[in-house]
Amino acid sequence: MGSPKLAFKIQQISTIMEYCDTFIREKHIDYIIKVGNEKDTLTAIATEHLRMSGAYWGLCALEILNAGDRMDKEGLVDWVKQCQNEDGGFGGNLNHDSNLVYTLSALQILAICDKMDVIDKDKVVSFILSLYQPDGSFITDKYGELDLRFNYCAVQSMALLGKLEELDREQIAKYICSCQNIDGGFGSIPGAESHSGMVFCAIGALSILHEIHRCNVDRLCHWLDYRQVDSGGLNGRPEKQCDLCYSWWSLSAMIILNHVPLDKQGLINFILKCQDPRGGLSDRPMDERDLYHTYFGIAGAIMLGYLDEQNIPSTHIHPAYALPMPVIERMGLTAELLYLCLFGDNAEFASVGRQRSML
C-alpha cells in the first residue's frame, strides 16, 4: 500500500510543475493575508517574538504587489505604537524587549503607512544612539549582541527618522569596511566569514550613508560573481546550497553596485519553482513556504524585471532601503547607487561601466 505522504509529495511535484513558468500573484496575496490573520496556530506561536518583522515582510510584499489596501493598516499602526517601549525602541511584539532589528521593522511599517508622526521620534533616536559604540559599530540591545546587521538597522532607521546627520558617518563607514575580508565579502564582525546577508547590510548601509567608495568595490564584485549555482538560484557563501532569500540579499547588493553577473532567466526560473501552489514561496523548491521567503522571493522577481515583463501588477522596490519606491520618493530619501538602469528591458545585467546615481 502506498504512503499517503509520498502520494501527496508526488501530487505536489506535479502541481509545482504546472506553475514553474507562472507567477501566481493572487495566491501569494491570499497567503500573506492568511498568515497575517493567524493568531493561535503553531507557526504564529513559534514566531511570536519576531512578529514585528513578519508584519513588515507581509505589508511590504503586499505593497510591491499593488495590494497594500488589502491589509488593515490602521490596526497595524495601532499595534506598532503599542510595541514602542519606554526606552524608545520597539520590541518584536507587545511587551518584548527593544532591539534595533524590530525598531527598524517598526519604522519601515510606519513609513509605508505614512504614519511616522504617530510615535515619539526623539525617543527612538535616543534609543538608537545609546547603542552606538566608539569603534563605529552598534549593538542591538542592552544585552550587547554585536553584528553588522545592526549597523544597517541603525543607519536606515536614522534615515527614516530624518536624523542621519546625528551619526558619525565616517567612523561608521570605517567600521563597516573593517568587516570586509580579503575575498571581497563581508562578515558579521571583523574577521568573520563572508556572507551575502552581511554583504547586503554593509553595502546597504554604505549606500544610505553615501560612503560606498570606502570599501573595495572591485574585490566585492569578484566575490559576488560566484553566487549563482547550477539550479539558477543564489547562495550566501561558497560551496553552500542556494536559498531563495539570496534573491534579495545577493541581488540587491549586485544592483546597488551595478554588477549583476547572472543568468537572469535561470534565477527567475528558480524563483518560480520555489512557489507553493497554494501561495507563498519557500527557500527551495518543494520545501515549506513561509512569509520571510515569500517576501524576498517576490522582491527578487520584481528587481529582475520579471513582473514588469509579464505585465503583472507590481511596484518597484529600492535595493538599499527594501521599501517600495513610492515611499522613498514621498519621504525624499537618498542613497548612493552605482547603476545605469534598474528595471525592465533596459536593465544592465553585466559588469559594465559603473557610475554614481543618487536617489
Protein backbone atom coordinates (compact mmCIF):
# COMPACT_ATOMS: atom_id res chain seq x y z
CA MET A 1 0.00 0.00 0.00
CA GLY A 2 1.44 3.40 -0.99
CA SER A 3 2.40 6.02 1.57
CA PRO A 4 -0.10 8.94 1.75
CA LYS A 5 2.82 11.27 2.40
CA LEU A 6 4.61 10.05 -0.72
CA ALA A 7 1.41 10.36 -2.76
CA PHE A 8 0.99 13.96 -1.58
CA LYS A 9 4.61 14.71 -2.47
CA ILE A 10 4.13 13.32 -5.98
CA GLN A 11 0.96 15.39 -6.39
CA GLN A 12 2.81 18.45 -5.08
CA ILE A 13 5.63 17.94 -7.59
CA SER A 14 3.10 17.61 -10.40
CA THR A 15 1.29 20.77 -9.31
CA ILE A 16 4.52 22.75 -8.97
CA MET A 17 5.50 21.77 -12.49
CA GLU A 18 2.29 23.40 -13.69
CA TYR A 19 3.31 26.67 -12.04
CA CYS A 20 7.01 26.67 -12.87
CA ASP A 21 6.52 29.25 -15.62
CA THR A 22 3.74 31.30 -13.99
CA PHE A 23 3.83 33.79 -11.12
CA ILE A 24 0.70 33.15 -9.04
CA ARG A 25 0.19 36.68 -7.70
CA GLU A 26 -3.32 36.29 -6.29
CA LYS A 27 -2.43 33.13 -4.39
CA HIS A 28 0.59 34.85 -2.87
CA ILE A 29 -1.60 37.77 -1.77
CA ASP A 30 -4.13 35.39 -0.20
CA TYR A 31 -1.34 33.51 1.61
CA ILE A 32 0.18 36.70 3.04
CA ILE A 33 -3.20 37.90 4.33
CA LYS A 34 -3.91 34.45 5.81
CA VAL A 35 -0.61 34.41 7.71
CA GLY A 36 -1.21 37.95 8.96
CA ASN A 37 -4.56 36.94 10.43
CA GLU A 38 -3.26 33.83 12.22
CA LYS A 39 -3.12 34.10 15.99
CA ASP A 40 -3.29 30.65 17.60
CA THR A 41 -1.58 28.39 15.07
CA LEU A 42 1.70 26.64 15.88
CA THR A 43 3.53 28.85 13.39
CA ALA A 44 2.09 32.04 14.88
CA ILE A 45 3.06 30.99 18.40
CA ALA A 46 6.56 29.88 17.35
CA THR A 47 7.21 33.20 15.60
CA GLU A 48 5.57 35.46 18.20
CA HIS A 49 8.93 37.00 19.12
CA LEU A 50 9.56 38.28 15.57
CA ARG A 51 6.05 39.36 14.67
CA MET A 52 7.18 42.94 14.02
CA SER A 53 9.50 41.83 11.24
CA GLY A 54 6.83 39.44 9.96
CA ALA A 55 4.38 42.33 9.74
CA TYR A 56 6.92 44.32 7.73
CA TRP A 57 7.57 41.39 5.35
CA GLY A 58 3.86 40.90 4.78
CA LEU A 59 2.97 44.58 4.39
CA CYS A 60 5.87 45.35 2.05
CA ALA A 61 5.15 42.24 -0.03
CA LEU A 62 1.54 43.35 -0.47
CA GLU A 63 2.63 46.90 -1.30
CA ILE A 64 5.02 45.82 -4.06
CA LEU A 65 2.27 43.58 -5.44
CA ASN A 66 -0.05 46.63 -5.53
CA ALA A 67 -2.26 45.03 -2.90
CA GLY A 68 -1.44 47.12 0.16
CA ASP A 69 -5.07 48.13 0.52
CA ARG A 70 -5.88 44.51 1.41
CA MET A 71 -4.22 44.92 4.83
CA ASP A 72 -5.75 46.63 7.86
CA LYS A 73 -3.15 49.38 8.08
CA GLU A 74 -4.94 51.32 10.80
CA GLY A 75 -4.97 48.30 13.08
CA LEU A 76 -1.36 47.52 12.21
CA VAL A 77 -0.20 51.05 13.05
CA ASP A 78 -2.05 50.95 16.40
CA TRP A 79 -0.29 47.67 17.25
CA VAL A 80 3.13 49.05 16.24
CA LYS A 81 2.59 52.07 18.52
CA GLN A 82 1.90 49.74 21.44
CA CYS A 83 5.19 47.93 20.80
CA GLN A 84 7.26 51.06 21.49
CA ASN A 85 8.89 50.71 24.90
CA GLU A 86 9.88 53.32 27.48
CA ASP A 87 13.48 53.25 26.22
CA GLY A 88 12.23 54.48 22.83
CA GLY A 89 12.90 51.28 20.90
CA PHE A 90 10.47 48.67 19.63
CA GLY A 91 10.13 45.01 20.51
CA GLY A 92 9.21 42.14 18.24
CA ASN A 93 5.77 42.03 19.86
CA LEU A 94 3.85 43.55 22.76
CA ASN A 95 5.88 43.62 25.99
CA HIS A 96 9.03 42.33 24.30
CA ASP A 97 12.43 43.95 24.83
CA SER A 98 13.57 46.60 22.36
CA ASN A 99 16.25 45.92 19.80
CA LEU A 100 17.47 47.52 16.59
CA VAL A 101 16.09 44.88 14.23
CA TYR A 102 12.49 45.27 15.38
CA THR A 103 12.91 49.02 15.70
CA LEU A 104 13.79 49.20 12.01
CA SER A 105 10.88 46.91 11.08
CA ALA A 106 8.51 49.16 13.05
CA LEU A 107 9.81 52.28 11.33
CA GLN A 108 9.54 50.62 7.91
CA ILE A 109 5.90 49.76 8.60
CA LEU A 110 5.16 53.32 9.68
CA ALA A 111 6.99 54.69 6.64
CA ILE A 112 4.94 52.54 4.28
CA CYS A 113 1.72 53.61 6.03
CA ASP A 114 2.83 57.28 6.07
CA LYS A 115 2.40 57.38 9.84
CA MET A 116 5.85 58.32 11.11
CA ASP A 117 4.28 61.12 13.14
CA VAL A 118 2.32 58.83 15.49
CA ILE A 119 5.38 57.87 17.58
CA ASP A 120 7.85 59.74 19.76
CA LYS A 121 10.68 60.00 17.22
CA ASP A 122 13.09 61.72 19.60
CA LYS A 123 12.89 58.73 21.95
CA VAL A 124 13.65 56.38 19.05
CA VAL A 125 16.69 58.45 18.12
CA SER A 126 17.92 58.36 21.73
CA PHE A 127 17.49 54.58 21.83
CA ILE A 128 19.49 54.11 18.63
CA LEU A 129 22.30 56.43 19.70
CA SER A 130 22.52 54.67 23.07
CA LEU A 131 23.61 51.51 21.22
CA TYR A 132 26.42 53.17 19.29
CA GLN A 133 29.97 52.04 20.14
CA PRO A 134 33.15 54.16 19.90
CA ASP A 135 34.61 52.00 17.09
CA GLY A 136 31.62 52.75 14.82
CA SER A 137 29.67 49.56 15.48
CA PHE A 138 26.21 49.14 17.02
CA ILE A 139 24.96 46.58 19.49
CA THR A 140 21.35 45.54 19.01
CA ASP A 141 20.10 45.84 22.59
CA LYS A 142 21.07 46.22 26.24
CA TYR A 143 22.49 42.69 26.24
CA GLY A 144 25.30 43.68 23.87
CA GLU A 145 24.99 41.40 20.83
CA LEU A 146 27.29 42.74 18.09
CA ASP A 147 26.68 42.13 14.39
CA LEU A 148 26.98 44.09 11.12
CA ARG A 149 23.21 43.77 10.73
CA PHE A 150 22.78 46.29 13.49
CA ASN A 151 24.84 48.92 11.70
CA TYR A 152 22.44 48.63 8.77
CA CYS A 153 19.39 48.77 11.04
CA ALA A 154 20.71 51.85 12.84
CA VAL A 155 21.67 53.68 9.64
CA GLN A 156 18.37 53.08 7.86
CA SER A 157 16.37 53.86 10.99
CA MET A 158 18.11 57.22 11.37
CA ALA A 159 17.50 57.94 7.68
CA LEU A 160 13.78 57.21 8.08
CA LEU A 161 13.72 59.49 11.12
CA GLY A 162 15.47 62.26 9.18
CA LYS A 163 18.40 62.21 11.61
CA LEU A 164 21.33 60.83 9.60
CA GLU A 165 23.32 63.96 10.42
CA GLU A 166 23.47 62.84 14.06
CA LEU A 167 25.60 59.83 13.10
CA ASP A 168 29.39 59.83 12.74
CA ARG A 169 29.23 58.66 9.12
CA GLU A 170 32.97 58.39 8.68
CA GLN A 171 33.53 56.25 11.77
CA ILE A 172 30.54 54.01 11.00
CA ALA A 173 31.72 53.52 7.40
CA LYS A 174 35.23 52.78 8.65
CA TYR A 175 33.90 50.06 10.96
CA ILE A 176 31.76 48.54 8.22
CA CYS A 177 34.76 48.39 5.89
CA SER A 178 36.80 46.70 8.62
CA CYS A 179 34.40 43.76 8.24
CA GLN A 180 35.41 43.30 4.57
CA ASN A 181 37.58 40.22 4.05
CA ILE A 182 40.42 39.52 1.65
CA ASP A 183 37.99 37.56 -0.55
CA GLY A 184 35.91 40.73 -1.00
CA GLY A 185 32.89 39.71 1.04
CA PHE A 186 31.80 40.98 4.45
CA GLY A 187 31.47 39.10 7.73
CA SER A 188 29.29 39.83 10.75
CA ILE A 189 32.29 41.24 12.64
CA PRO A 190 35.91 41.87 11.58
CA GLY A 191 37.49 38.55 10.62
CA ALA A 192 34.22 36.59 10.41
CA GLU A 193 33.32 34.50 7.35
CA SER A 194 31.97 36.37 4.32
CA HIS A 195 28.22 36.00 3.86
CA SER A 196 25.70 37.51 1.44
CA GLY A 197 23.46 38.73 4.24
CA MET A 198 26.34 40.72 5.68
CA VAL A 199 27.29 41.95 2.21
CA PHE A 200 23.81 43.45 1.85
CA CYS A 201 23.97 45.01 5.33
CA ALA A 202 27.37 46.53 4.56
CA ILE A 203 26.59 47.83 1.08
CA GLY A 204 23.05 48.87 2.02
CA ALA A 205 24.33 50.94 4.94
CA LEU A 206 27.21 52.43 2.92
CA SER A 207 24.74 53.27 0.14
CA ILE A 208 22.45 55.15 2.54
CA LEU A 209 25.49 56.91 4.04
CA HIS A 210 26.84 57.74 0.55
CA GLU A 211 30.12 56.07 1.52
CA ILE A 212 30.41 53.11 -0.89
CA HIS A 213 33.76 54.40 -2.14
CA ARG A 214 35.35 53.48 1.19
CA CYS A 215 35.14 49.72 0.53
CA ASN A 216 36.91 47.63 -2.10
CA VAL A 217 34.13 47.50 -4.69
CA ASP A 218 36.06 45.55 -7.33
CA ARG A 219 37.02 42.80 -4.89
CA LEU A 220 33.41 42.58 -3.65
CA CYS A 221 32.10 42.33 -7.22
CA HIS A 222 34.50 39.44 -7.80
CA TRP A 223 33.08 37.66 -4.73
CA LEU A 224 29.53 38.23 -5.98
CA ASP A 225 30.46 36.74 -9.36
CA TYR A 226 30.31 33.25 -7.82
CA ARG A 227 26.99 33.32 -6.01
CA GLN A 228 24.84 31.68 -8.71
CA VAL A 229 24.72 27.87 -8.74
CA ASP A 230 23.62 25.34 -11.37
CA SER A 231 19.94 25.44 -10.34
CA GLY A 232 19.85 29.15 -11.18
CA GLY A 233 19.45 30.14 -7.53
CA LEU A 234 21.93 32.15 -5.48
CA ASN A 235 23.85 31.03 -2.41
CA GLY A 236 25.13 33.03 0.53
CA ARG A 237 28.62 31.54 0.81
CA PRO A 238 30.96 29.45 -1.35
CA GLU A 239 30.10 25.74 -1.59
CA LYS A 240 26.69 26.19 0.02
CA GLN A 241 23.23 25.39 -1.32
CA CYS A 242 21.16 28.09 -2.93
CA ASP A 243 18.35 29.70 -0.95
CA LEU A 244 15.56 31.90 -2.26
CA CYS A 245 16.30 34.65 0.27
CA TYR A 246 19.57 35.39 -1.54
CA SER A 247 17.47 36.53 -4.46
CA TRP A 248 17.29 39.58 -2.23
CA TRP A 249 20.48 39.63 -0.14
CA SER A 250 22.85 38.97 -3.05
CA LEU A 251 20.86 40.50 -5.91
CA SER A 252 20.18 43.81 -4.17
CA ALA A 253 23.90 44.27 -3.46
CA MET A 254 24.66 43.47 -7.10
CA ILE A 255 22.14 46.07 -8.26
CA ILE A 256 23.46 48.74 -5.90
CA LEU A 257 26.94 48.12 -7.34
CA ASN A 258 25.69 47.93 -10.96
CA HIS A 259 27.26 44.50 -11.21
CA VAL A 260 24.74 41.75 -11.95
CA PRO A 261 26.75 38.83 -13.39
CA LEU A 262 23.78 36.48 -13.59
CA ASP A 263 21.91 34.10 -15.81
CA LYS A 264 18.80 36.21 -15.29
CA GLN A 265 16.37 33.64 -16.71
CA GLY A 266 17.93 30.91 -14.59
CA LEU A 267 17.28 32.89 -11.41
CA ILE A 268 13.73 33.72 -12.50
CA ASN A 269 13.05 30.03 -13.12
CA PHE A 270 14.41 29.16 -9.67
CA ILE A 271 12.16 31.75 -8.01
CA LEU A 272 9.10 30.43 -9.84
CA LYS A 273 9.90 26.85 -8.82
CA CYS A 274 10.03 27.91 -5.17
CA GLN A 275 6.34 28.84 -5.34
CA ASP A 276 3.90 26.75 -3.35
CA PRO A 277 0.81 26.03 -5.47
CA ARG A 278 -1.33 27.23 -2.55
CA GLY A 279 0.51 30.56 -2.46
CA GLY A 280 3.70 31.63 -0.75
CA LEU A 281 7.30 30.71 -1.50
CA SER A 282 9.91 28.53 0.18
CA ASP A 283 13.68 28.52 0.46
CA ARG A 284 13.99 25.81 -2.21
CA PRO A 285 11.51 24.01 -4.49
CA MET A 286 9.06 21.80 -2.58
CA ASP A 287 10.14 22.96 0.89
CA GLU A 288 7.67 24.51 3.32
CA ARG A 289 6.53 28.04 2.47
CA ASP A 290 6.97 30.92 4.90
CA LEU A 291 6.45 34.67 4.94
CA TYR A 292 10.17 35.52 5.00
CA HIS A 293 10.98 33.69 1.77
CA THR A 294 7.69 34.81 0.22
CA TYR A 295 8.62 38.47 0.65
CA PHE A 296 12.19 38.20 -0.53
CA GLY A 297 11.27 35.93 -3.45
CA ILE A 298 8.68 38.44 -4.65
CA ALA A 299 11.17 41.29 -4.20
CA GLY A 300 13.77 39.40 -6.22
CA ALA A 301 11.36 38.73 -9.07
CA ILE A 302 10.46 42.42 -9.17
CA MET A 303 14.10 43.55 -9.12
CA LEU A 304 14.80 41.23 -12.05
CA GLY A 305 12.06 42.98 -14.01
CA TYR A 306 10.09 39.75 -14.40
CA LEU A 307 6.73 41.07 -13.20
CA ASP A 308 7.07 44.10 -15.48
CA GLU A 309 7.84 41.85 -18.44
CA GLN A 310 4.76 39.71 -17.70
CA ASN A 311 2.50 42.75 -17.15
CA ILE A 312 1.81 41.59 -13.59
CA PRO A 313 0.73 44.48 -11.31
CA SER A 314 3.65 45.44 -9.10
CA THR A 315 5.70 48.33 -7.75
CA HIS A 316 9.49 48.66 -7.82
CA ILE A 317 11.44 48.24 -4.58
CA HIS A 318 14.54 50.18 -3.54
CA PRO A 319 17.59 47.87 -3.31
CA ALA A 320 19.15 49.65 -0.32
CA TYR A 321 16.10 50.54 1.77
CA ALA A 322 13.95 47.47 0.96
CA LEU A 323 10.95 49.78 0.70
CA PRO A 324 8.58 50.49 -2.20
CA MET A 325 9.89 53.23 -4.47
CA PRO A 326 6.83 55.49 -3.92
CA VAL A 327 7.72 55.54 -0.19
CA ILE A 328 11.32 56.54 -1.00
CA GLU A 329 10.11 59.35 -3.25
CA ARG A 330 7.46 60.58 -0.81
CA MET A 331 9.96 60.76 2.05
CA GLY A 332 12.75 62.25 -0.06
CA LEU A 333 15.20 59.50 0.95
CA THR A 334 18.53 59.27 -0.83
CA ALA A 335 21.13 56.57 -1.43
CA GLU A 336 24.25 56.09 -3.48
CA LEU A 337 23.62 53.59 -6.29
CA LEU A 338 26.33 52.70 -8.80
CA TYR A 339 23.94 51.84 -11.59
CA LEU A 340 22.78 52.77 -15.06
CA CYS A 341 19.26 51.34 -15.17
CA LEU A 342 17.46 49.04 -12.76
CA PHE A 343 14.33 47.71 -14.33
CA GLY A 344 12.76 46.27 -17.43
CA ASP A 345 14.23 45.74 -20.88
CA ASN A 346 16.95 48.36 -20.36
CA ALA A 347 18.36 46.77 -17.20
CA GLU A 348 22.09 46.18 -17.26
CA PHE A 349 22.81 42.55 -16.39
CA ALA A 350 26.57 42.76 -16.81
CA SER A 351 29.65 44.24 -15.25
CA VAL A 352 29.76 47.41 -17.30
CA GLY A 353 30.85 50.98 -16.58
CA ARG A 354 29.57 51.81 -13.12
CA GLN A 355 28.53 55.36 -12.43
CA ARG A 356 27.19 57.09 -9.36
CA SER A 357 23.49 57.88 -9.13
CA MET A 358 21.65 59.44 -6.23
CA LEU A 359 18.06 58.56 -5.37
